[in-house]
């Protein structure tokens, strides 16, 4: 999962790329302001592109982008809502090197983007679970408030934030 702020439209920049030595894997990228996901099944199949032109990332607004790979299905979620989804062949597995912010060779790099958080979980999270995580993030988090209003105190201190992970 990525929490990010887009300062400017991107020219086909890579957020995340994961593929094995045979080239099988996925790429999460953004073209202009639209995130999209590409699954490359290898030399014997054409790449599968998951994209929803109506799902745009608003510049300078924190946005949550997630990829869920589970039960032979690949799903792209933006702010906890499904943007695109597709079935994969039975038994499809994801493995290989992981690159963040560009392809492994450094090409298609992000420019003007602030990545706040990246997570990998061993279990696929539902849209509801992702929306709960989103609601708890940042200074505007709706699930947890710490202190009176999150402003600095009279002694010149700074706002305090903490994270609790429950399992």
Foldseek 3Di string as FASTA:
>chain_A
DWWKAAQFFAQFAWFKWFDAPQRFTKTWTGHGFWIKMWGDHGPVDDIDIWTAPVDGDDHGDIKDWDWFDDDQKIFIDILLHTGGIDGHPPPDDTHGDMDGQHPPVRPRGDDRMDTDDDDDDPDGDHSVVSNQVVLCDDLNRPPDDDPDRQQADPVPHHGDDDDDDDD
